[in-house]
Amino acid sequence: MTVLILTCRQDVTADMVVAKLHERGVPLVRLDPADVPGEAALSAEYVQGDFYGHLSTEGRLLSMSALRSIWVRRPGEPAAHAPEPSEWLAAETEQALYGMLYSATARWMNHPAMSAQARCKPWQLSLAHRSGFAVPPTVITTFPRVARQFAAQYRDLVVKSASGPPVGDPPVALPTTRIGQDADFSSVAAAPTLLQQFIAKRADIRLTAVGGRLFAARKLAASDQVDGRYGTTGHNWQPVDVPHRIARAVRDYTGEAGLAYAAFDFAEDGEGVWWFLECNQGGQFGFIELETAQPIADAVAGWLAAAPNGSGRVMPSASAGDGHRVP
């Protein structure tokens, strides 16, 4: 049985997992959907109730019946590398490729339908509340009056993007920015704006969930730091134990979200409370593993190498290992 990794060619994090799969002797195929059609090819037959599907890339032929698991890591846009790319060709190729993969019985990390929902930050906040995380008071609005009322109530705020960095050339990134209650909120009417109460943090927490295994790392924050993605704090990531309440909330969150893999970001305040900021269903873990030596790549490889259970959508389950075990 073969593992299929959907990612671009330049992906160091995927390279780490590939090495672990090789150590386990697990067959794998690495495919960038951008190479279909062209350097990679596909074929699927649906005849009299039977399904036969095949992928060909780099001289290898992969049958859908031989698929063990699919890791959606960082795939390119289908048909992006075609001789004459177009929106139509991209849509046709996406339908053909993912439709064929959905027809297989492989396990997904993560299923694209689950990932699409998991990217939606307003939905994340709602699920985080239901799962038992501490979530900063937040509003997403196009009403300037509502924004001003929220600011008057919570006073010290941050404004952040709900969708992440916009696509652009050159790419544009919107860091989380601290603002006060006297800010001019009239421009809120132009686009949905996410405002959140500022959490004075003493550390950033990155928790990586792989199935039922949890790997948490902590990095001390710099004075008055707002967005941990930018600048340097002079501190390194260190392994940290996962509080039982957080472990239970992660289990509930990933279970309802249908995520086999998730990267959670928290802000730890002065009293040690972990405040939920976001969950990235495809977040990086390579930088954490390199600084903490936590065996995250091996955990991903172990999940992918496990025997398929006949279900295309896999709910996370607890498993023993070097990471914290979800009870």
C-alpha atoms as a PDB file:
ATOM      1  CA  MET A   1       0.000   0.000   0.000  1.00  0.00           C
ATOM      2  CA  THR A   2       1.276   3.428  -1.016  1.00  0.00           C
ATOM      3  CA  VAL A   3       1.211   6.883   0.582  1.00  0.00           C
ATOM      4  CA  LEU A   4       0.400   9.780  -1.752  1.00  0.00           C
ATOM      5  CA  ILE A   5       1.829  13.182  -0.826  1.00  0.00           C
ATOM      6  CA  LEU A   6       0.287  16.170  -2.579  1.00  0.00           C
ATOM      7  CA  THR A   7       2.744  19.038  -2.393  1.00  0.00           C
ATOM      8  CA  CYS A   8       4.919  21.367  -4.414  1.00  0.00           C
ATOM      9  CA  ARG A   9       8.461  20.457  -5.331  1.00  0.00           C
ATOM     10  CA  GLN A  10      10.121  22.841  -2.882  1.00  0.00           C
ATOM     11  CA  ASP A  11       8.769  21.666   0.474  1.00  0.00           C
ATOM     12  CA  VAL A  12      11.374  20.989   3.155  1.00  0.00           C
ATOM     13  CA  THR A  13       8.736  19.983   5.703  1.00  0.00           C
ATOM     14  CA  ALA A  14       7.456  17.284   3.337  1.00  0.00           C
ATOM     15  CA  ASP A  15      11.060  16.153   2.812  1.00  0.00           C
ATOM     16  CA  MET A  16      11.315  15.432   6.549  1.00  0.00           C
ATOM     17  CA  VAL A  17       8.277  13.133   6.440  1.00  0.00           C
ATOM     18  CA  VAL A  18       9.446  11.462   3.225  1.00  0.00           C
ATOM     19  CA  ALA A  19      12.701  10.542   4.967  1.00  0.00           C
ATOM     20  CA  LYS A  20      10.769   8.979   7.869  1.00  0.00           C
ATOM     21  CA  LEU A  21       8.555   6.998   5.486  1.00  0.00           C
ATOM     22  CA  HIS A  22      11.660   5.707   3.703  1.00  0.00           C
ATOM     23  CA  GLU A  23      13.064   4.595   7.061  1.00  0.00           C
ATOM     24  CA  ARG A  24       9.853   2.633   7.647  1.00  0.00           C
ATOM     25  CA  GLY A  25      10.049   1.080   4.194  1.00  0.00           C
ATOM     26  CA  VAL A  26       6.668   2.558   3.208  1.00  0.00           C
ATOM     27  CA  PRO A  27       6.139   3.090  -0.554  1.00  0.00           C
ATOM     28  CA  LEU A  28       5.203   6.642  -1.451  1.00  0.00           C
ATOM     29  CA  VAL A  29       4.444   8.828  -4.437  1.00  0.00           C
ATOM     30  CA  ARG A  30       4.931  12.582  -4.355  1.00  0.00           C
ATOM     31  CA  LEU A  31       2.753  14.586  -6.717  1.00  0.00           C
ATOM     32  CA  ASP A  32       2.234  18.267  -7.369  1.00  0.00           C
ATOM     33  CA  PRO A  33      -1.255  18.763  -8.857  1.00  0.00           C
ATOM     34  CA  ALA A  34       0.277  21.648 -10.824  1.00  0.00           C
ATOM     35  CA  ASP A  35       1.984  18.988 -12.984  1.00  0.00           C
ATOM     36  CA  VAL A  36      -1.356  17.506 -14.143  1.00  0.00           C
ATOM     37  CA  PRO A  37      -1.740  17.381 -17.125  1.00  0.00           C
ATOM     38  CA  GLY A  38       1.783  17.279 -18.471  1.00  0.00           C
ATOM     39  CA  GLU A  39       4.525  15.689 -16.398  1.00  0.00           C
ATOM     40  CA  ALA A  40       1.859  13.730 -14.556  1.00  0.00           C
ATOM     41  CA  ALA A  41      -1.209  11.981 -15.977  1.00  0.00           C
ATOM     42  CA  LEU A  42      -4.401  10.446 -14.665  1.00  0.00           C
ATOM     43  CA  SER A  43      -7.124   8.056 -15.748  1.00  0.00           C
ATOM     44  CA  ALA A  44     -10.321   6.947 -14.009  1.00  0.00           C
ATOM     45  CA  GLU A  45     -13.034   4.518 -15.124  1.00  0.00           C
ATOM     46  CA  TYR A  46     -16.500   4.152 -13.638  1.00  0.00           C
ATOM     47  CA  VAL A  47     -18.121   1.154 -15.358  1.00  0.00           C
ATOM     48  CA  GLN A  48     -21.032  -0.978 -14.121  1.00  0.00           C
ATOM     49  CA  GLY A  49     -20.469   0.021 -10.519  1.00  0.00           C
ATOM     50  CA  ASP A  50     -16.728  -0.612 -10.591  1.00  0.00           C
ATOM     51  CA  PHE A  51     -14.103   2.117 -10.136  1.00  0.00           C
ATOM     52  CA  TYR A  52     -10.560   2.000 -11.472  1.00  0.00           C
ATOM     53  CA  GLY A  53      -8.209   4.954 -11.119  1.00  0.00           C
ATOM     54  CA  HIS A  54      -4.551   5.499 -11.886  1.00  0.00           C
ATOM     55  CA  LEU A  55      -1.969   8.252 -11.524  1.00  0.00           C
ATOM     56  CA  SER A  56       1.316   8.363 -13.426  1.00  0.00           C
ATOM     57  CA  THR A  57       4.223  10.564 -12.350  1.00  0.00           C
ATOM     58  CA  GLU A  58       7.993  10.347 -12.672  1.00  0.00           C
ATOM     59  CA  GLY A  59       7.770   6.951 -14.298  1.00  0.00           C
ATOM     60  CA  ARG A  60       5.589   5.422 -11.590  1.00  0.00           C
ATOM     61  CA  LEU A  61       2.016   4.192 -11.956  1.00  0.00           C
ATOM     62  CA  LEU A  62      -0.180   4.369  -8.864  1.00  0.00           C
ATOM     63  CA  SER A  63      -3.498   2.545  -8.625  1.00  0.00           C
ATOM     64  CA  MET A  64      -6.218   4.050  -6.447  1.00  0.00           C
ATOM     65  CA  SER A  65      -6.881   0.586  -5.043  1.00  0.00           C
ATOM     66  CA  ALA A  66      -3.303   0.573  -3.706  1.00  0.00           C
ATOM     67  CA  LEU A  67      -3.620   3.890  -1.878  1.00  0.00           C
ATOM     68  CA  ARG A  68      -2.949   3.716   1.851  1.00  0.00           C
ATOM     69  CA  SER A  69      -3.280   7.416   2.731  1.00  0.00           C
ATOM     70  CA  ILE A  70      -3.176  10.901   1.202  1.00  0.00           C
ATOM     71  CA  TRP A  71      -1.326  13.806   2.793  1.00  0.00           C
ATOM     72  CA  VAL A  72      -2.487  17.174   1.460  1.00  0.00           C
ATOM     73  CA  ARG A  73       0.575  19.145   2.381  1.00  0.00           C
ATOM     74  CA  ARG A  74       1.118  22.134   0.080  1.00  0.00           C
ATOM     75  CA  PRO A  75      -0.306  21.272  -3.347  1.00  0.00           C
ATOM     76  CA  GLY A  76      -0.021  23.615  -6.289  1.00  0.00           C
ATOM     77  CA  GLU A  77      -3.030  24.702  -8.299  1.00  0.00           C
ATOM     78  CA  PRO A  78      -4.052  21.944 -10.729  1.00  0.00           C
ATOM     79  CA  ALA A  79      -2.726  22.476 -14.276  1.00  0.00           C
ATOM     80  CA  ALA A  80      -0.613  25.487 -13.235  1.00  0.00           C
ATOM     81  CA  HIS A  81       2.408  24.030 -15.051  1.00  0.00           C
ATOM     82  CA  ALA A  82       0.477  23.081 -18.189  1.00  0.00           C
ATOM     83  CA  PRO A  83       1.796  24.456 -21.506  1.00  0.00           C
ATOM     84  CA  GLU A  84      -1.346  26.610 -21.851  1.00  0.00           C
ATOM     85  CA  PRO A  85      -2.809  27.088 -18.339  1.00  0.00           C
ATOM     86  CA  SER A  86      -6.256  28.624 -17.956  1.00  0.00           C
ATOM     87  CA  GLU A  87      -8.998  28.923 -15.339  1.00  0.00           C
ATOM     88  CA  TRP A  88     -11.073  26.419 -17.297  1.00  0.00           C
ATOM     89  CA  LEU A  89      -8.242  23.882 -17.459  1.00  0.00           C
ATOM     90  CA  ALA A  90      -7.522  24.329 -13.752  1.00  0.00           C
ATOM     91  CA  ALA A  91     -11.191  23.697 -12.884  1.00  0.00           C
ATOM     92  CA  GLU A  92     -11.409  20.638 -15.164  1.00  0.00           C
ATOM     93  CA  THR A  93      -8.192  19.171 -13.770  1.00  0.00           C
ATOM     94  CA  GLU A  94      -9.238  19.794 -10.168  1.00  0.00           C
ATOM     95  CA  GLN A  95     -12.546  18.021 -10.785  1.00  0.00           C
ATOM     96  CA  ALA A  96     -10.815  15.055 -12.420  1.00  0.00           C
ATOM     97  CA  LEU A  97      -7.929  14.671  -9.958  1.00  0.00           C
ATOM     98  CA  TYR A  98      -9.693  15.216  -6.645  1.00  0.00           C
ATOM     99  CA  GLY A  99     -12.841  13.490  -7.845  1.00  0.00           C
ATOM    100  CA  MET A 100     -10.753  10.414  -8.545  1.00  0.00           C
ATOM    101  CA  LEU A 101      -8.984  10.642  -5.185  1.00  0.00           C
ATOM    102  CA  TYR A 102     -12.303  11.074  -3.351  1.00  0.00           C
ATOM    103  CA  SER A 103     -13.450   7.836  -4.967  1.00  0.00           C
ATOM    104  CA  ALA A 104     -10.624   5.899  -3.302  1.00  0.00           C
ATOM    105  CA  THR A 105     -10.828   4.519   0.259  1.00  0.00           C
ATOM    106  CA  ALA A 106      -7.580   6.077   1.486  1.00  0.00           C
ATOM    107  CA  ARG A 107      -7.219   7.997   4.749  1.00  0.00           C
ATOM    108  CA  TRP A 108      -6.811  11.756   4.421  1.00  0.00           C
ATOM    109  CA  MET A 109      -4.562  14.199   6.258  1.00  0.00           C
ATOM    110  CA  ASN A 110      -6.602  16.318   5.861  1.00  0.00           C
ATOM    111  CA  HIS A 111      -9.669  15.773   3.670  1.00  0.00           C
ATOM    112  CA  PRO A 112     -10.049  18.895   1.443  1.00  0.00           C
ATOM    113  CA  ALA A 113     -13.683  19.360   2.473  1.00  0.00           C
ATOM    114  CA  MET A 114     -12.675  19.434   6.132  1.00  0.00           C
ATOM    115  CA  SER A 115      -9.742  21.722   5.393  1.00  0.00           C
ATOM    116  CA  ALA A 116     -11.903  24.231   3.539  1.00  0.00           C
ATOM    117  CA  GLN A 117     -14.173  24.597   6.546  1.00  0.00           C
ATOM    118  CA  ALA A 118     -11.265  24.632   9.002  1.00  0.00           C
ATOM    119  CA  ARG A 119      -9.668  27.631   7.250  1.00  0.00           C
ATOM    120  CA  CYS A 120     -12.663  29.839   8.062  1.00  0.00           C
ATOM    121  CA  LYS A 121     -11.594  31.868  11.086  1.00  0.00           C
ATOM    122  CA  PRO A 122     -15.096  32.863  12.274  1.00  0.00           C
ATOM    123  CA  TRP A 123     -16.008  29.169  12.322  1.00  0.00           C
ATOM    124  CA  GLN A 124     -12.764  28.424  14.186  1.00  0.00           C
ATOM    125  CA  LEU A 125     -13.706  30.863  16.935  1.00  0.00           C
ATOM    126  CA  SER A 126     -17.145  29.307  17.340  1.00  0.00           C
ATOM    127  CA  LEU A 127     -15.726  25.783  17.502  1.00  0.00           C
ATOM    128  CA  ALA A 128     -12.975  26.907  19.899  1.00  0.00           C
ATOM    129  CA  HIS A 129     -15.642  28.212  22.296  1.00  0.00           C
ATOM    130  CA  ARG A 130     -17.601  24.949  22.105  1.00  0.00           C
ATOM    131  CA  SER A 131     -14.438  22.924  22.648  1.00  0.00           C
ATOM    132  CA  GLY A 132     -13.576  24.715  25.880  1.00  0.00           C
ATOM    133  CA  PHE A 133     -10.667  26.957  24.875  1.00  0.00           C
ATOM    134  CA  ALA A 134     -10.235  30.418  26.335  1.00  0.00           C
ATOM    135  CA  VAL A 135     -10.982  32.735  23.400  1.00  0.00           C
ATOM    136  CA  PRO A 136     -10.421  36.521  23.476  1.00  0.00           C
ATOM    137  CA  PRO A 137     -13.570  38.615  22.908  1.00  0.00           C
ATOM    138  CA  THR A 138     -13.806  39.125  19.150  1.00  0.00           C
ATOM    139  CA  VAL A 139     -16.015  40.940  16.655  1.00  0.00           C
ATOM    140  CA  ILE A 140     -16.090  40.763  12.854  1.00  0.00           C
ATOM    141  CA  THR A 141     -18.126  43.623  11.458  1.00  0.00           C
ATOM    142  CA  THR A 142     -18.752  46.128   8.688  1.00  0.00           C
ATOM    143  CA  PHE A 143     -20.671  48.427  11.049  1.00  0.00           C
ATOM    144  CA  PRO A 144     -18.443  51.293  12.291  1.00  0.00           C
ATOM    145  CA  ARG A 145     -20.859  51.829  15.188  1.00  0.00           C
ATOM    146  CA  VAL A 146     -20.432  48.227  16.334  1.00  0.00           C
ATOM    147  CA  ALA A 147     -16.650  48.546  16.106  1.00  0.00           C
ATOM    148  CA  ARG A 148     -16.679  51.705  18.206  1.00  0.00           C
ATOM    149  CA  GLN A 149     -18.906  50.076  20.836  1.00  0.00           C
ATOM    150  CA  PHE A 150     -16.601  47.041  20.962  1.00  0.00           C
ATOM    151  CA  ALA A 151     -13.571  49.303  21.346  1.00  0.00           C
ATOM    152  CA  ALA A 152     -15.251  51.291  24.136  1.00  0.00           C
ATOM    153  CA  GLN A 153     -15.950  48.073  26.016  1.00  0.00           C
ATOM    154  CA  TYR A 154     -12.580  46.332  25.608  1.00  0.00           C
ATOM    155  CA  ARG A 155     -10.347  49.415  25.035  1.00  0.00           C
ATOM    156  CA  ASP A 156      -7.082  47.640  24.162  1.00  0.00           C
ATOM    157  CA  LEU A 157      -7.533  45.844  20.821  1.00  0.00           C
ATOM    158  CA  VAL A 158      -5.780  44.195  17.905  1.00  0.00           C
ATOM    159  CA  VAL A 159      -6.965  44.206  14.314  1.00  0.00           C
ATOM    160  CA  LYS A 160      -6.108  41.194  12.179  1.00  0.00           C
ATOM    161  CA  SER A 161      -6.953  39.528   8.897  1.00  0.00           C
ATOM    162  CA  ALA A 162      -9.705  36.928   8.946  1.00  0.00           C
ATOM    163  CA  SER A 163      -8.417  35.153   5.835  1.00  0.00           C
ATOM    164  CA  GLY A 164      -4.648  35.404   6.203  1.00  0.00           C
ATOM    165  CA  PRO A 165      -2.212  37.142   3.847  1.00  0.00           C
ATOM    166  CA  PRO A 166      -3.899  38.204   0.583  1.00  0.00           C
ATOM    167  CA  VAL A 167      -2.699  36.879  -2.742  1.00  0.00           C
ATOM    168  CA  GLY A 168      -0.636  39.491  -4.534  1.00  0.00           C
ATOM    169  CA  ASP A 169       2.516  40.212  -6.467  1.00  0.00           C
ATOM    170  CA  PRO A 170       4.507  41.094  -4.472  1.00  0.00           C
ATOM    171  CA  PRO A 171       2.735  39.234  -1.653  1.00  0.00           C
ATOM    172  CA  VAL A 172       1.228  41.413   1.050  1.00  0.00           C
ATOM    173  CA  ALA A 173       1.070  40.394   4.704  1.00  0.00           C
ATOM    174  CA  LEU A 174      -1.123  42.029   7.325  1.00  0.00           C
ATOM    175  CA  PRO A 175       0.458  41.642  10.757  1.00  0.00           C
ATOM    176  CA  THR A 176      -1.747  41.670  13.797  1.00  0.00           C
ATOM    177  CA  THR A 177      -1.742  45.342  14.817  1.00  0.00           C
ATOM    178  CA  ARG A 178      -2.520  46.833  18.200  1.00  0.00           C
ATOM    179  CA  ILE A 179      -4.962  49.746  18.249  1.00  0.00           C
ATOM    180  CA  GLY A 180      -6.753  51.781  20.889  1.00  0.00           C
ATOM    181  CA  GLN A 181     -10.355  52.741  21.465  1.00  0.00           C
ATOM    182  CA  ASP A 182      -9.771  56.171  19.885  1.00  0.00           C
ATOM    183  CA  ALA A 183      -8.955  54.722  16.445  1.00  0.00           C
ATOM    184  CA  ASP A 184     -10.974  55.884  13.438  1.00  0.00           C
ATOM    185  CA  PHE A 185     -13.354  53.012  12.694  1.00  0.00           C
ATOM    186  CA  SER A 186     -15.140  54.623   9.736  1.00  0.00           C
ATOM    187  CA  SER A 187     -13.221  52.458   7.227  1.00  0.00           C
ATOM    188  CA  VAL A 188     -14.727  49.312   8.766  1.00  0.00           C
ATOM    189  CA  ALA A 189     -17.640  49.829   6.381  1.00  0.00           C
ATOM    190  CA  ALA A 190     -15.371  49.090   3.407  1.00  0.00           C
ATOM    191  CA  ALA A 191     -14.585  45.467   4.339  1.00  0.00           C
ATOM    192  CA  PRO A 192     -15.272  42.978   7.139  1.00  0.00           C
ATOM    193  CA  THR A 193     -12.891  43.835   9.967  1.00  0.00           C
ATOM    194  CA  LEU A 194     -11.799  41.484  12.752  1.00  0.00           C
ATOM    195  CA  LEU A 195     -11.187  43.166  16.104  1.00  0.00           C
ATOM    196  CA  GLN A 196     -10.052  41.229  19.152  1.00  0.00           C
ATOM    197  CA  GLN A 197      -9.187  42.085  22.715  1.00  0.00           C
ATOM    198  CA  PHE A 198      -5.418  42.370  23.116  1.00  0.00           C
ATOM    199  CA  ILE A 199      -3.851  39.639  25.252  1.00  0.00           C
ATOM    200  CA  ALA A 200      -0.681  40.752  27.020  1.00  0.00           C
ATOM    201  CA  LYS A 201       1.333  37.589  26.575  1.00  0.00           C
ATOM    202  CA  ARG A 202       4.451  36.307  28.204  1.00  0.00           C
ATOM    203  CA  ALA A 203       4.909  33.512  25.655  1.00  0.00           C
ATOM    204  CA  ASP A 204       3.713  32.093  22.353  1.00  0.00           C
ATOM    205  CA  ILE A 205       2.542  28.477  22.280  1.00  0.00           C
ATOM    206  CA  ARG A 206       2.477  26.289  19.161  1.00  0.00           C
ATOM    207  CA  LEU A 207       0.684  22.973  19.652  1.00  0.00           C
ATOM    208  CA  THR A 208       0.864  20.443  16.821  1.00  0.00           C
ATOM    209  CA  ALA A 209      -1.767  17.690  16.848  1.00  0.00           C
ATOM    210  CA  VAL A 210      -1.049  14.561  14.805  1.00  0.00           C
ATOM    211  CA  GLY A 211      -3.891  12.125  15.246  1.00  0.00           C
ATOM    212  CA  GLY A 212      -4.041  11.707  19.003  1.00  0.00           C
ATOM    213  CA  ARG A 213      -0.462  12.837  19.645  1.00  0.00           C
ATOM    214  CA  LEU A 214       0.189  16.375  20.857  1.00  0.00           C
ATOM    215  CA  PHE A 215       3.478  18.260  20.607  1.00  0.00           C
ATOM    216  CA  ALA A 216       3.546  21.633  22.358  1.00  0.00           C
ATOM    217  CA  ALA A 217       6.337  24.205  22.198  1.00  0.00           C
ATOM    218  CA  ARG A 218       6.718  27.505  24.038  1.00  0.00           C
ATOM    219  CA  LYS A 219       8.722  30.631  23.173  1.00  0.00           C
ATOM    220  CA  LEU A 220       9.030  33.591  25.517  1.00  0.00           C
ATOM    221  CA  ALA A 221       7.621  36.783  24.015  1.00  0.00           C
ATOM    222  CA  ALA A 222       9.419  40.077  23.762  1.00  0.00           C
ATOM    223  CA  SER A 223       8.118  43.062  25.709  1.00  0.00           C
ATOM    224  CA  ASP A 224       4.886  44.424  24.152  1.00  0.00           C
ATOM    225  CA  GLN A 225       5.098  41.871  21.319  1.00  0.00           C
ATOM    226  CA  VAL A 226       1.861  41.633  19.322  1.00  0.00           C
ATOM    227  CA  ASP A 227       2.399  39.336  16.323  1.00  0.00           C
ATOM    228  CA  GLY A 228       4.832  36.492  16.984  1.00  0.00           C
ATOM    229  CA  ARG A 229       5.300  35.844  13.259  1.00  0.00           C
ATOM    230  CA  TYR A 230       7.307  39.033  12.808  1.00  0.00           C
ATOM    231  CA  GLY A 231      10.562  40.114  14.388  1.00  0.00           C
ATOM    232  CA  THR A 232      12.717  38.222  16.842  1.00  0.00           C
ATOM    233  CA  THR A 233      12.345  37.783  20.581  1.00  0.00           C
ATOM    234  CA  GLY A 234      15.835  36.499  21.354  1.00  0.00           C
ATOM    235  CA  HIS A 235      14.330  33.244  22.651  1.00  0.00           C
ATOM    236  CA  ASN A 236      14.021  29.763  21.168  1.00  0.00           C
ATOM    237  CA  TRP A 237      11.151  27.304  21.115  1.00  0.00           C
ATOM    238  CA  GLN A 238      11.218  24.837  24.005  1.00  0.00           C
ATOM    239  CA  PRO A 239       9.059  21.732  24.609  1.00  0.00           C
ATOM    240  CA  VAL A 240       6.280  22.251  27.136  1.00  0.00           C
ATOM    241  CA  ASP A 241       3.722  19.963  28.766  1.00  0.00           C
ATOM    242  CA  VAL A 242       0.120  20.167  27.587  1.00  0.00           C
ATOM    243  CA  PRO A 243      -2.387  20.973  30.349  1.00  0.00           C
ATOM    244  CA  HIS A 244      -5.142  18.388  30.656  1.00  0.00           C
ATOM    245  CA  ARG A 245      -7.846  20.965  29.885  1.00  0.00           C
ATOM    246  CA  ILE A 246      -6.071  21.966  26.676  1.00  0.00           C
ATOM    247  CA  ALA A 247      -5.588  18.334  25.629  1.00  0.00           C
ATOM    248  CA  ARG A 248      -9.301  17.663  26.099  1.00  0.00           C
ATOM    249  CA  ALA A 249     -10.229  20.795  24.117  1.00  0.00           C
ATOM    250  CA  VAL A 250      -7.877  19.798  21.280  1.00  0.00           C
ATOM    251  CA  ARG A 251      -9.499  16.369  21.146  1.00  0.00           C
ATOM    252  CA  ASP A 252     -12.961  17.902  20.929  1.00  0.00           C
ATOM    253  CA  TYR A 253     -11.890  20.514  18.359  1.00  0.00           C
ATOM    254  CA  THR A 254     -10.099  18.147  15.981  1.00  0.00           C
ATOM    255  CA  GLY A 255     -12.810  15.550  16.384  1.00  0.00           C
ATOM    256  CA  GLU A 256     -15.615  17.906  15.357  1.00  0.00           C
ATOM    257  CA  ALA A 257     -13.480  19.521  12.650  1.00  0.00           C
ATOM    258  CA  GLY A 258     -12.496  16.132  11.207  1.00  0.00           C
ATOM    259  CA  LEU A 259      -8.794  17.013  11.228  1.00  0.00           C
ATOM    260  CA  ALA A 260      -6.077  14.381  11.473  1.00  0.00           C
ATOM    261  CA  TYR A 261      -3.466  17.172  11.598  1.00  0.00           C
ATOM    262  CA  ALA A 262      -3.741  20.664  13.086  1.00  0.00           C
ATOM    263  CA  ALA A 263      -1.397  23.387  14.316  1.00  0.00           C
ATOM    264  CA  PHE A 264      -2.808  25.527  17.149  1.00  0.00           C
ATOM    265  CA  ASP A 265      -1.475  28.947  18.136  1.00  0.00           C
ATOM    266  CA  PHE A 266      -2.010  30.254  21.674  1.00  0.00           C
ATOM    267  CA  ALA A 267      -0.964  33.332  23.632  1.00  0.00           C
ATOM    268  CA  GLU A 268       0.042  32.531  27.220  1.00  0.00           C
ATOM    269  CA  ASP A 269      -0.791  35.388  29.565  1.00  0.00           C
ATOM    270  CA  GLY A 270       0.839  36.332  32.861  1.00  0.00           C
ATOM    271  CA  GLU A 271      -1.372  33.926  34.793  1.00  0.00           C
ATOM    272  CA  GLY A 272      -0.491  30.986  32.572  1.00  0.00           C
ATOM    273  CA  VAL A 273      -3.792  30.877  30.644  1.00  0.00           C
ATOM    274  CA  TRP A 274      -3.480  29.636  27.053  1.00  0.00           C
ATOM    275  CA  TRP A 275      -5.669  31.889  24.881  1.00  0.00           C
ATOM    276  CA  PHE A 276      -6.765  30.392  21.558  1.00  0.00           C
ATOM    277  CA  LEU A 277      -5.703  32.525  18.589  1.00  0.00           C
ATOM    278  CA  GLU A 278      -6.161  30.235  15.596  1.00  0.00           C
ATOM    279  CA  CYS A 279      -5.854  26.710  14.245  1.00  0.00           C
ATOM    280  CA  ASN A 280      -4.041  26.141  10.957  1.00  0.00           C
ATOM    281  CA  GLN A 281      -5.076  22.829   9.418  1.00  0.00           C
ATOM    282  CA  GLY A 282      -1.884  22.771   7.330  1.00  0.00           C
ATOM    283  CA  GLY A 283       0.528  24.687   9.549  1.00  0.00           C
ATOM    284  CA  GLN A 284       4.290  24.253   9.372  1.00  0.00           C
ATOM    285  CA  PHE A 285       6.032  22.094  11.952  1.00  0.00           C
ATOM    286  CA  GLY A 286       9.561  21.833  10.587  1.00  0.00           C
ATOM    287  CA  PHE A 287      10.869  24.880  12.492  1.00  0.00           C
ATOM    288  CA  ILE A 288       9.433  23.511  15.731  1.00  0.00           C
ATOM    289  CA  GLU A 289      10.997  20.093  15.262  1.00  0.00           C
ATOM    290  CA  LEU A 290      14.386  21.564  14.400  1.00  0.00           C
ATOM    291  CA  GLU A 291      14.468  23.671  17.589  1.00  0.00           C
ATOM    292  CA  THR A 292      12.825  21.244  20.024  1.00  0.00           C
ATOM    293  CA  ALA A 293      13.762  17.819  18.572  1.00  0.00           C
ATOM    294  CA  GLN A 294      10.137  16.749  19.001  1.00  0.00           C
ATOM    295  CA  PRO A 295       9.457  13.810  16.622  1.00  0.00           C
ATOM    296  CA  ILE A 296       6.603  15.436  14.711  1.00  0.00           C
ATOM    297  CA  ALA A 297       7.691  14.256  11.253  1.00  0.00           C
ATOM    298  CA  ASP A 298       7.895  10.705  12.553  1.00  0.00           C
ATOM    299  CA  ALA A 299       4.391  11.036  14.023  1.00  0.00           C
ATOM    300  CA  VAL A 300       3.040  12.226  10.662  1.00  0.00           C
ATOM    301  CA  ALA A 301       4.820   9.362   8.906  1.00  0.00           C
ATOM    302  CA  GLY A 302       3.418   6.888  11.421  1.00  0.00           C
ATOM    303  CA  TRP A 303      -0.127   8.120  10.845  1.00  0.00           C
ATOM    304  CA  LEU A 304       0.259   7.970   7.080  1.00  0.00           C
ATOM    305  CA  ALA A 305       1.790   4.492   7.257  1.00  0.00           C
ATOM    306  CA  ALA A 306      -1.066   3.031   9.314  1.00  0.00           C
ATOM    307  CA  ALA A 307      -3.400   0.597   7.584  1.00  0.00           C
ATOM    308  CA  PRO A 308      -6.429   2.195   5.884  1.00  0.00           C
ATOM    309  CA  ASN A 309      -9.785   1.705   7.566  1.00  0.00           C
ATOM    310  CA  GLY A 310     -11.976   2.040   4.501  1.00  0.00           C
ATOM    311  CA  SER A 311     -13.160   5.557   5.247  1.00  0.00           C
ATOM    312  CA  GLY A 312     -12.224   8.512   3.101  1.00  0.00           C
ATOM    313  CA  ARG A 313     -12.753  10.987   5.953  1.00  0.00           C
ATOM    314  CA  VAL A 314     -10.753  10.031   8.998  1.00  0.00           C
ATOM    315  CA  MET A 315     -11.498  11.350  12.449  1.00  0.00           C
ATOM    316  CA  PRO A 316      -8.429  11.751  14.699  1.00  0.00           C
ATOM    317  CA  SER A 317      -7.904   9.034  17.274  1.00  0.00           C
ATOM    318  CA  ALA A 318      -5.647   8.733  20.286  1.00  0.00           C
ATOM    319  CA  SER A 319      -2.402   6.818  20.012  1.00  0.00           C
ATOM    320  CA  ALA A 320       0.595   6.293  22.240  1.00  0.00           C
ATOM    321  CA  GLY A 321       3.947   7.797  21.377  1.00  0.00           C
ATOM    322  CA  ASP A 322       6.585  10.365  22.270  1.00  0.00           C
ATOM    323  CA  GLY A 323       4.074  13.192  22.143  1.00  0.00           C
ATOM    324  CA  HIS A 324       1.410  13.935  24.726  1.00  0.00           C
ATOM    325  CA  ARG A 325      -1.433  11.448  24.392  1.00  0.00           C
ATOM    326  CA  VAL A 326      -4.985  12.761  24.166  1.00  0.00           C
ATOM    327  CA  PRO A 327      -6.951  11.012  26.912  1.00  0.00           C
END
